[in-house]
């Protein structure tokens, strides 16, 4: 959970872990009842979901209401089982792409009851939005832009060619070498030479400095240190974090007015 002010400066970062393996809605309900900050009213609320059943789809070729059939086929969800999920679709501006995803019904009901006014996105949609914004502004100097978005032992990789989304996918990684293995496989398969790519890394993970080192060694001038593009608030520096650790707190990628 993060709270920022109208200048996109982080005021609070907090993380909870479901150590007892509670059903997600029960876990969140317990947090809701004990955390005064979570119950406060804010000008804007952005709720990011890491729903495990998700799929990038071409927005214009998938009519509203048919996303479930795509997800059911890919994840082999039986027709009767679809009733246990609420299907959502995030259309990502300027890309022609959308992210379809399935939220467990109990969790979806909790969100509707507690965060009815929130903007809800799949986390992959947010990563695509932010990578697109970076590729158009500070990084858009070579044909391709790729950002590794780390969170603990997982990462999303988002790759753009200009304004065209090439790939978004999620991977598990225990080492920085694991990250490089996936990246090199993707780039080799797509025939992307490293001198045509600008690449960076962001997110919250102990792997980040090691991934950054490998990216710098391999891509050289193609590597971009995102921490140099965004000034870090003193509160972040005191916590040993950089601005790129809290990019999810900013609303600039959505084109909305920033607010706490």
C-alpha atoms as a PDB file:
ATOM      1  CA  UNK A   1       0.000   0.000   0.000  1.00  0.00           C
ATOM      2  CA  UNK A   2       1.307   3.421  -0.902  1.00  0.00           C
ATOM      3  CA  UNK A   3       0.046   6.944  -0.289  1.00  0.00           C
ATOM      4  CA  UNK A   4       1.333   9.968  -2.198  1.00  0.00           C
ATOM      5  CA  UNK A   5       0.542  13.682  -2.232  1.00  0.00           C
ATOM      6  CA  UNK A   6      -0.405  15.850  -5.220  1.00  0.00           C
ATOM      7  CA  UNK A   7       3.283  16.197  -6.138  1.00  0.00           C
ATOM      8  CA  UNK A   8       3.555  12.375  -6.401  1.00  0.00           C
ATOM      9  CA  UNK A   9       5.814  12.325  -3.342  1.00  0.00           C
ATOM     10  CA  UNK A  10       5.413   9.088  -1.352  1.00  0.00           C
ATOM     11  CA  UNK A  11       4.105   9.670   2.149  1.00  0.00           C
ATOM     12  CA  UNK A  12       3.684   6.061   3.195  1.00  0.00           C
ATOM     13  CA  UNK A  13       4.711   2.626   1.920  1.00  0.00           C
ATOM     14  CA  UNK A  14       3.408  -0.448   3.706  1.00  0.00           C
ATOM     15  CA  UNK A  15       3.433  -4.148   2.890  1.00  0.00           C
ATOM     16  CA  UNK A  16       1.397  -7.008   4.358  1.00  0.00           C
ATOM     17  CA  UNK A  17       2.084 -10.699   3.913  1.00  0.00           C
ATOM     18  CA  UNK A  18      -0.539 -13.406   4.165  1.00  0.00           C
ATOM     19  CA  UNK A  19       1.554 -15.656   6.405  1.00  0.00           C
ATOM     20  CA  UNK A  20      -1.376 -17.803   7.541  1.00  0.00           C
ATOM     21  CA  UNK A  21      -2.603 -18.567   4.022  1.00  0.00           C
ATOM     22  CA  UNK A  22      -6.033 -17.027   4.547  1.00  0.00           C
ATOM     23  CA  UNK A  23      -8.520 -16.792   1.712  1.00  0.00           C
ATOM     24  CA  UNK A  24      -7.672 -13.432   0.018  1.00  0.00           C
ATOM     25  CA  UNK A  25     -10.898 -11.604   0.893  1.00  0.00           C
ATOM     26  CA  UNK A  26     -10.619 -12.678   4.559  1.00  0.00           C
ATOM     27  CA  UNK A  27      -6.981 -11.599   4.661  1.00  0.00           C
ATOM     28  CA  UNK A  28      -7.856  -8.183   3.221  1.00  0.00           C
ATOM     29  CA  UNK A  29     -10.821  -7.839   5.565  1.00  0.00           C
ATOM     30  CA  UNK A  30      -8.513  -8.380   8.548  1.00  0.00           C
ATOM     31  CA  UNK A  31      -6.171  -5.657   7.255  1.00  0.00           C
ATOM     32  CA  UNK A  32      -9.111  -3.341   6.583  1.00  0.00           C
ATOM     33  CA  UNK A  33     -10.277  -3.652  10.185  1.00  0.00           C
ATOM     34  CA  UNK A  34      -6.859  -2.922  11.708  1.00  0.00           C
ATOM     35  CA  UNK A  35      -5.344  -0.328   9.351  1.00  0.00           C
ATOM     36  CA  UNK A  36      -6.728   3.202   9.759  1.00  0.00           C
ATOM     37  CA  UNK A  37      -4.850   4.435   6.683  1.00  0.00           C
ATOM     38  CA  UNK A  38      -6.583   1.932   4.426  1.00  0.00           C
ATOM     39  CA  UNK A  39      -9.993   3.239   5.491  1.00  0.00           C
ATOM     40  CA  UNK A  40      -9.217   6.916   4.900  1.00  0.00           C
ATOM     41  CA  UNK A  41     -10.794   8.834   2.029  1.00  0.00           C
ATOM     42  CA  UNK A  42      -8.455   9.864  -0.798  1.00  0.00           C
ATOM     43  CA  UNK A  43      -8.838  12.014  -3.893  1.00  0.00           C
ATOM     44  CA  UNK A  44      -7.837   9.070  -6.080  1.00  0.00           C
ATOM     45  CA  UNK A  45      -7.350   5.391  -5.386  1.00  0.00           C
ATOM     46  CA  UNK A  46      -5.525   3.096  -7.781  1.00  0.00           C
ATOM     47  CA  UNK A  47      -5.994  -0.586  -6.987  1.00  0.00           C
ATOM     48  CA  UNK A  48      -3.576  -2.947  -8.744  1.00  0.00           C
ATOM     49  CA  UNK A  49      -4.480  -6.623  -8.912  1.00  0.00           C
ATOM     50  CA  UNK A  50      -2.021  -9.429  -9.497  1.00  0.00           C
ATOM     51  CA  UNK A  51      -4.743 -11.842 -10.656  1.00  0.00           C
ATOM     52  CA  UNK A  52      -2.999 -15.034 -11.767  1.00  0.00           C
ATOM     53  CA  UNK A  53      -5.357 -15.731 -14.684  1.00  0.00           C
ATOM     54  CA  UNK A  54      -4.666 -12.967 -17.180  1.00  0.00           C
ATOM     55  CA  UNK A  55      -3.999 -12.602 -20.878  1.00  0.00           C
ATOM     56  CA  UNK A  56      -3.009  -9.791 -23.277  1.00  0.00           C
ATOM     57  CA  UNK A  57      -5.573  -9.576 -26.074  1.00  0.00           C
ATOM     58  CA  UNK A  58      -6.116  -7.321 -29.116  1.00  0.00           C
ATOM     59  CA  UNK A  59      -8.709  -4.848 -27.861  1.00  0.00           C
ATOM     60  CA  UNK A  60     -10.565  -4.253 -31.124  1.00  0.00           C
ATOM     61  CA  UNK A  61     -10.973  -7.955 -31.958  1.00  0.00           C
ATOM     62  CA  UNK A  62     -12.312  -9.076 -28.593  1.00  0.00           C
ATOM     63  CA  UNK A  63     -15.834  -7.724 -28.032  1.00  0.00           C
ATOM     64  CA  UNK A  64     -16.832  -6.711 -24.537  1.00  0.00           C
ATOM     65  CA  UNK A  65     -18.177  -9.714 -22.666  1.00  0.00           C
ATOM     66  CA  UNK A  66     -16.202 -12.326 -24.608  1.00  0.00           C
ATOM     67  CA  UNK A  67     -12.966 -12.060 -22.602  1.00  0.00           C
ATOM     68  CA  UNK A  68     -14.039 -14.957 -20.414  1.00  0.00           C
ATOM     69  CA  UNK A  69     -14.047 -17.398 -23.319  1.00  0.00           C
ATOM     70  CA  UNK A  70     -10.414 -16.528 -24.102  1.00  0.00           C
ATOM     71  CA  UNK A  71      -9.353 -16.971 -20.487  1.00  0.00           C
ATOM     72  CA  UNK A  72     -11.378 -20.161 -20.086  1.00  0.00           C
ATOM     73  CA  UNK A  73      -9.705 -21.697 -23.129  1.00  0.00           C
ATOM     74  CA  UNK A  74      -6.169 -20.665 -22.190  1.00  0.00           C
ATOM     75  CA  UNK A  75      -6.442 -21.697 -18.538  1.00  0.00           C
ATOM     76  CA  UNK A  76      -8.764 -24.654 -19.198  1.00  0.00           C
ATOM     77  CA  UNK A  77     -11.518 -23.271 -16.981  1.00  0.00           C
ATOM     78  CA  UNK A  78     -14.730 -25.261 -17.306  1.00  0.00           C
ATOM     79  CA  UNK A  79     -17.900 -23.366 -18.217  1.00  0.00           C
ATOM     80  CA  UNK A  80     -19.400 -23.942 -14.772  1.00  0.00           C
ATOM     81  CA  UNK A  81     -16.217 -22.742 -13.053  1.00  0.00           C
ATOM     82  CA  UNK A  82     -16.378 -19.362 -14.804  1.00  0.00           C
ATOM     83  CA  UNK A  83     -19.201 -18.392 -12.450  1.00  0.00           C
ATOM     84  CA  UNK A  84     -16.641 -18.378  -9.617  1.00  0.00           C
ATOM     85  CA  UNK A  85     -14.823 -15.457 -11.245  1.00  0.00           C
ATOM     86  CA  UNK A  86     -15.539 -11.905 -12.290  1.00  0.00           C
ATOM     87  CA  UNK A  87     -14.005 -11.161 -15.682  1.00  0.00           C
ATOM     88  CA  UNK A  88     -12.514  -7.721 -16.326  1.00  0.00           C
ATOM     89  CA  UNK A  89     -10.714  -6.076 -19.220  1.00  0.00           C
ATOM     90  CA  UNK A  90      -8.311  -3.129 -19.148  1.00  0.00           C
ATOM     91  CA  UNK A  91      -8.040  -1.375 -22.514  1.00  0.00           C
ATOM     92  CA  UNK A  92      -4.604   0.252 -22.619  1.00  0.00           C
ATOM     93  CA  UNK A  93      -4.703   3.607 -24.331  1.00  0.00           C
ATOM     94  CA  UNK A  94      -2.625   4.047 -27.474  1.00  0.00           C
ATOM     95  CA  UNK A  95      -1.579   0.402 -27.820  1.00  0.00           C
ATOM     96  CA  UNK A  96      -4.556  -1.398 -29.368  1.00  0.00           C
ATOM     97  CA  UNK A  97      -4.093  -3.974 -26.610  1.00  0.00           C
ATOM     98  CA  UNK A  98      -6.066  -4.978 -23.561  1.00  0.00           C
ATOM     99  CA  UNK A  99      -5.477  -7.194 -20.558  1.00  0.00           C
ATOM    100  CA  UNK A 100      -8.260  -9.627 -19.755  1.00  0.00           C
ATOM    101  CA  UNK A 101      -8.231 -11.180 -16.294  1.00  0.00           C
ATOM    102  CA  UNK A 102     -10.315 -13.255 -13.905  1.00  0.00           C
ATOM    103  CA  UNK A 103     -10.823 -12.199 -10.276  1.00  0.00           C
ATOM    104  CA  UNK A 104     -12.123 -14.696  -7.747  1.00  0.00           C
ATOM    105  CA  UNK A 105     -15.704 -13.704  -6.964  1.00  0.00           C
ATOM    106  CA  UNK A 106     -15.194 -13.363  -3.197  1.00  0.00           C
ATOM    107  CA  UNK A 107     -12.291 -10.979  -3.807  1.00  0.00           C
ATOM    108  CA  UNK A 108     -14.238  -9.048  -6.443  1.00  0.00           C
ATOM    109  CA  UNK A 109     -17.136  -8.635  -3.991  1.00  0.00           C
ATOM    110  CA  UNK A 110     -14.747  -7.343  -1.314  1.00  0.00           C
ATOM    111  CA  UNK A 111     -13.309  -4.786  -3.752  1.00  0.00           C
ATOM    112  CA  UNK A 112     -16.768  -3.617  -4.796  1.00  0.00           C
ATOM    113  CA  UNK A 113     -17.833  -3.159  -1.176  1.00  0.00           C
ATOM    114  CA  UNK A 114     -14.679  -1.459   0.098  1.00  0.00           C
ATOM    115  CA  UNK A 115     -13.196   0.271  -2.961  1.00  0.00           C
ATOM    116  CA  UNK A 116     -16.168   0.959  -5.189  1.00  0.00           C
ATOM    117  CA  UNK A 117     -14.777   4.325  -6.382  1.00  0.00           C
ATOM    118  CA  UNK A 118     -11.245   3.066  -7.053  1.00  0.00           C
ATOM    119  CA  UNK A 119      -9.619   2.756 -10.462  1.00  0.00           C
ATOM    120  CA  UNK A 120      -8.914  -0.966 -10.759  1.00  0.00           C
ATOM    121  CA  UNK A 121      -6.223  -2.351 -13.047  1.00  0.00           C
ATOM    122  CA  UNK A 122      -4.365  -5.572 -13.479  1.00  0.00           C
ATOM    123  CA  UNK A 123      -0.742  -4.982 -12.496  1.00  0.00           C
ATOM    124  CA  UNK A 124       0.371  -5.982 -16.020  1.00  0.00           C
ATOM    125  CA  UNK A 125      -1.788  -3.177 -17.437  1.00  0.00           C
ATOM    126  CA  UNK A 126      -0.078  -0.672 -15.166  1.00  0.00           C
ATOM    127  CA  UNK A 127       3.366  -1.882 -16.214  1.00  0.00           C
ATOM    128  CA  UNK A 128       2.386  -1.547 -19.889  1.00  0.00           C
ATOM    129  CA  UNK A 129       1.073   1.976 -19.291  1.00  0.00           C
ATOM    130  CA  UNK A 130       4.234   3.093 -17.521  1.00  0.00           C
ATOM    131  CA  UNK A 131       6.557   1.485 -20.077  1.00  0.00           C
ATOM    132  CA  UNK A 132       4.668   3.206 -22.879  1.00  0.00           C
ATOM    133  CA  UNK A 133       4.975   6.555 -21.094  1.00  0.00           C
ATOM    134  CA  UNK A 134       8.717   6.004 -20.612  1.00  0.00           C
ATOM    135  CA  UNK A 135       9.205   4.937 -24.222  1.00  0.00           C
ATOM    136  CA  UNK A 136       7.479   8.095 -25.467  1.00  0.00           C
ATOM    137  CA  UNK A 137       9.366  10.531 -23.258  1.00  0.00           C
ATOM    138  CA  UNK A 138      12.698  10.004 -21.527  1.00  0.00           C
ATOM    139  CA  UNK A 139      13.666   6.717 -23.180  1.00  0.00           C
ATOM    140  CA  UNK A 140      12.310   6.966 -26.723  1.00  0.00           C
ATOM    141  CA  UNK A 141      15.618   7.263 -28.587  1.00  0.00           C
ATOM    142  CA  UNK A 142      16.015   3.798 -30.151  1.00  0.00           C
ATOM    143  CA  UNK A 143      13.554   1.540 -32.018  1.00  0.00           C
ATOM    144  CA  UNK A 144      12.806  -0.646 -28.957  1.00  0.00           C
ATOM    145  CA  UNK A 145      12.233   0.103 -25.266  1.00  0.00           C
ATOM    146  CA  UNK A 146      12.083  -2.630 -22.632  1.00  0.00           C
ATOM    147  CA  UNK A 147      11.529  -2.361 -18.884  1.00  0.00           C
ATOM    148  CA  UNK A 148      11.975  -5.132 -16.325  1.00  0.00           C
ATOM    149  CA  UNK A 149       9.404  -4.593 -13.555  1.00  0.00           C
ATOM    150  CA  UNK A 150      10.536  -6.598 -10.520  1.00  0.00           C
ATOM    151  CA  UNK A 151       8.531  -7.573  -7.484  1.00  0.00           C
ATOM    152  CA  UNK A 152      10.228  -9.942  -5.038  1.00  0.00           C
ATOM    153  CA  UNK A 153      11.049 -13.130  -6.991  1.00  0.00           C
ATOM    154  CA  UNK A 154       8.922 -12.348 -10.029  1.00  0.00           C
ATOM    155  CA  UNK A 155       9.094  -9.849 -12.835  1.00  0.00           C
ATOM    156  CA  UNK A 156       7.077  -8.586 -15.760  1.00  0.00           C
ATOM    157  CA  UNK A 157       8.897  -7.690 -18.940  1.00  0.00           C
ATOM    158  CA  UNK A 158       7.271  -5.122 -21.204  1.00  0.00           C
ATOM    159  CA  UNK A 159       8.728  -4.404 -24.636  1.00  0.00           C
ATOM    160  CA  UNK A 160       7.671  -1.633 -27.017  1.00  0.00           C
ATOM    161  CA  UNK A 161       8.667  -0.761 -30.561  1.00  0.00           C
ATOM    162  CA  UNK A 162       7.826   2.920 -30.711  1.00  0.00           C
ATOM    163  CA  UNK A 163       4.188   3.028 -29.574  1.00  0.00           C
ATOM    164  CA  UNK A 164       3.521  -0.605 -30.486  1.00  0.00           C
ATOM    165  CA  UNK A 165       3.356  -3.133 -27.670  1.00  0.00           C
ATOM    166  CA  UNK A 166       5.462  -6.143 -28.627  1.00  0.00           C
ATOM    167  CA  UNK A 167       5.251  -8.301 -25.519  1.00  0.00           C
ATOM    168  CA  UNK A 168       4.161  -8.318 -21.892  1.00  0.00           C
ATOM    169  CA  UNK A 169       4.712 -11.429 -19.827  1.00  0.00           C
ATOM    170  CA  UNK A 170       5.439 -12.552 -16.281  1.00  0.00           C
ATOM    171  CA  UNK A 171       8.323 -14.741 -15.130  1.00  0.00           C
ATOM    172  CA  UNK A 172       9.809 -16.154 -11.945  1.00  0.00           C
ATOM    173  CA  UNK A 173      13.449 -15.445 -11.123  1.00  0.00           C
ATOM    174  CA  UNK A 174      15.609 -16.437  -8.193  1.00  0.00           C
ATOM    175  CA  UNK A 175      18.765 -14.768  -9.537  1.00  0.00           C
ATOM    176  CA  UNK A 176      19.708 -11.890 -11.827  1.00  0.00           C
ATOM    177  CA  UNK A 177      21.003 -14.513 -14.272  1.00  0.00           C
ATOM    178  CA  UNK A 178      17.476 -15.934 -14.506  1.00  0.00           C
ATOM    179  CA  UNK A 179      16.238 -12.519 -15.605  1.00  0.00           C
ATOM    180  CA  UNK A 180      18.932 -12.249 -18.271  1.00  0.00           C
ATOM    181  CA  UNK A 181      18.158 -15.768 -19.504  1.00  0.00           C
ATOM    182  CA  UNK A 182      14.542 -14.834 -20.250  1.00  0.00           C
ATOM    183  CA  UNK A 183      15.450 -11.477 -21.783  1.00  0.00           C
ATOM    184  CA  UNK A 184      18.032 -12.933 -24.126  1.00  0.00           C
ATOM    185  CA  UNK A 185      15.605 -15.644 -25.182  1.00  0.00           C
ATOM    186  CA  UNK A 186      12.925 -13.067 -26.004  1.00  0.00           C
ATOM    187  CA  UNK A 187      15.279 -10.763 -27.893  1.00  0.00           C
ATOM    188  CA  UNK A 188      16.866 -13.625 -29.846  1.00  0.00           C
ATOM    189  CA  UNK A 189      13.470 -15.007 -30.810  1.00  0.00           C
ATOM    190  CA  UNK A 190      12.316 -11.601 -32.026  1.00  0.00           C
ATOM    191  CA  UNK A 191      15.620 -10.807 -33.756  1.00  0.00           C
ATOM    192  CA  UNK A 192      16.230  -7.640 -31.717  1.00  0.00           C
ATOM    193  CA  UNK A 193      19.860  -6.529 -31.668  1.00  0.00           C
ATOM    194  CA  UNK A 194      21.002  -5.066 -28.367  1.00  0.00           C
ATOM    195  CA  UNK A 195      22.156  -1.833 -30.040  1.00  0.00           C
ATOM    196  CA  UNK A 196      18.515  -1.180 -31.080  1.00  0.00           C
ATOM    197  CA  UNK A 197      17.173  -1.413 -27.537  1.00  0.00           C
ATOM    198  CA  UNK A 198      16.992   0.875 -24.521  1.00  0.00           C
ATOM    199  CA  UNK A 199      16.365  -1.114 -21.351  1.00  0.00           C
ATOM    200  CA  UNK A 200      15.896  -0.405 -17.657  1.00  0.00           C
ATOM    201  CA  UNK A 201      14.786  -2.042 -14.434  1.00  0.00           C
ATOM    202  CA  UNK A 202      12.391  -0.891 -11.722  1.00  0.00           C
ATOM    203  CA  UNK A 203      10.496  -2.349  -8.819  1.00  0.00           C
ATOM    204  CA  UNK A 204      10.837  -3.756  -5.339  1.00  0.00           C
ATOM    205  CA  UNK A 205      13.237  -6.704  -5.048  1.00  0.00           C
ATOM    206  CA  UNK A 206      16.626  -7.540  -3.562  1.00  0.00           C
ATOM    207  CA  UNK A 207      17.540  -8.652  -7.097  1.00  0.00           C
ATOM    208  CA  UNK A 208      17.293  -5.157  -8.551  1.00  0.00           C
ATOM    209  CA  UNK A 209      20.913  -3.964  -8.098  1.00  0.00           C
ATOM    210  CA  UNK A 210      22.218  -7.274  -9.467  1.00  0.00           C
ATOM    211  CA  UNK A 211      19.866  -7.139 -12.451  1.00  0.00           C
ATOM    212  CA  UNK A 212      20.915  -3.532 -13.067  1.00  0.00           C
ATOM    213  CA  UNK A 213      24.586  -4.557 -13.041  1.00  0.00           C
ATOM    214  CA  UNK A 214      24.030  -7.336 -15.578  1.00  0.00           C
ATOM    215  CA  UNK A 215      21.941  -5.112 -17.829  1.00  0.00           C
ATOM    216  CA  UNK A 216      24.608  -2.418 -17.762  1.00  0.00           C
ATOM    217  CA  UNK A 217      27.385  -4.908 -18.538  1.00  0.00           C
ATOM    218  CA  UNK A 218      25.489  -6.497 -21.435  1.00  0.00           C
ATOM    219  CA  UNK A 219      23.707  -3.498 -22.996  1.00  0.00           C
ATOM    220  CA  UNK A 220      26.275  -0.812 -22.207  1.00  0.00           C
ATOM    221  CA  UNK A 221      24.978   2.540 -23.439  1.00  0.00           C
ATOM    222  CA  UNK A 222      21.595   0.914 -24.061  1.00  0.00           C
ATOM    223  CA  UNK A 223      21.023   0.570 -20.332  1.00  0.00           C
ATOM    224  CA  UNK A 224      19.160   3.392 -18.612  1.00  0.00           C
ATOM    225  CA  UNK A 225      19.314   3.994 -14.861  1.00  0.00           C
ATOM    226  CA  UNK A 226      15.735   5.027 -14.086  1.00  0.00           C
ATOM    227  CA  UNK A 227      16.787   6.395 -10.696  1.00  0.00           C
ATOM    228  CA  UNK A 228      18.549   9.224 -12.571  1.00  0.00           C
ATOM    229  CA  UNK A 229      15.385  10.152 -14.456  1.00  0.00           C
ATOM    230  CA  UNK A 230      13.237  10.754 -11.392  1.00  0.00           C
ATOM    231  CA  UNK A 231      14.217  12.645  -8.235  1.00  0.00           C
ATOM    232  CA  UNK A 232      13.740  10.596  -5.077  1.00  0.00           C
ATOM    233  CA  UNK A 233      11.914  12.133  -2.133  1.00  0.00           C
ATOM    234  CA  UNK A 234      13.884  12.327   1.102  1.00  0.00           C
ATOM    235  CA  UNK A 235      11.467   9.850   2.697  1.00  0.00           C
ATOM    236  CA  UNK A 236      12.430   7.278   0.063  1.00  0.00           C
ATOM    237  CA  UNK A 237      16.136   7.923   0.434  1.00  0.00           C
ATOM    238  CA  UNK A 238      15.876   7.445   4.186  1.00  0.00           C
ATOM    239  CA  UNK A 239      14.254   4.057   3.546  1.00  0.00           C
ATOM    240  CA  UNK A 240      17.019   3.068   1.134  1.00  0.00           C
ATOM    241  CA  UNK A 241      14.693   3.275  -1.873  1.00  0.00           C
ATOM    242  CA  UNK A 242      14.808   5.206  -5.132  1.00  0.00           C
ATOM    243  CA  UNK A 243      12.029   6.941  -7.042  1.00  0.00           C
ATOM    244  CA  UNK A 244      11.781   3.994  -9.441  1.00  0.00           C
ATOM    245  CA  UNK A 245      10.793   1.794  -6.489  1.00  0.00           C
ATOM    246  CA  UNK A 246       7.594   3.796  -6.091  1.00  0.00           C
ATOM    247  CA  UNK A 247       6.631   4.550  -9.702  1.00  0.00           C
ATOM    248  CA  UNK A 248       3.345   2.755  -9.087  1.00  0.00           C
ATOM    249  CA  UNK A 249       2.346   5.689  -6.862  1.00  0.00           C
ATOM    250  CA  UNK A 250       2.304   8.172  -9.726  1.00  0.00           C
ATOM    251  CA  UNK A 251      -0.703   8.788 -11.942  1.00  0.00           C
ATOM    252  CA  UNK A 252       1.129  10.454 -14.850  1.00  0.00           C
ATOM    253  CA  UNK A 253       1.094   7.304 -16.979  1.00  0.00           C
ATOM    254  CA  UNK A 254      -2.714   7.310 -16.962  1.00  0.00           C
ATOM    255  CA  UNK A 255      -2.931  10.902 -18.057  1.00  0.00           C
ATOM    256  CA  UNK A 256      -4.919  11.755 -14.931  1.00  0.00           C
ATOM    257  CA  UNK A 257      -4.367  14.566 -12.484  1.00  0.00           C
ATOM    258  CA  UNK A 258      -1.993  13.337  -9.766  1.00  0.00           C
ATOM    259  CA  UNK A 259      -3.509  13.149  -6.338  1.00  0.00           C
ATOM    260  CA  UNK A 260      -3.016  11.471  -2.999  1.00  0.00           C
END
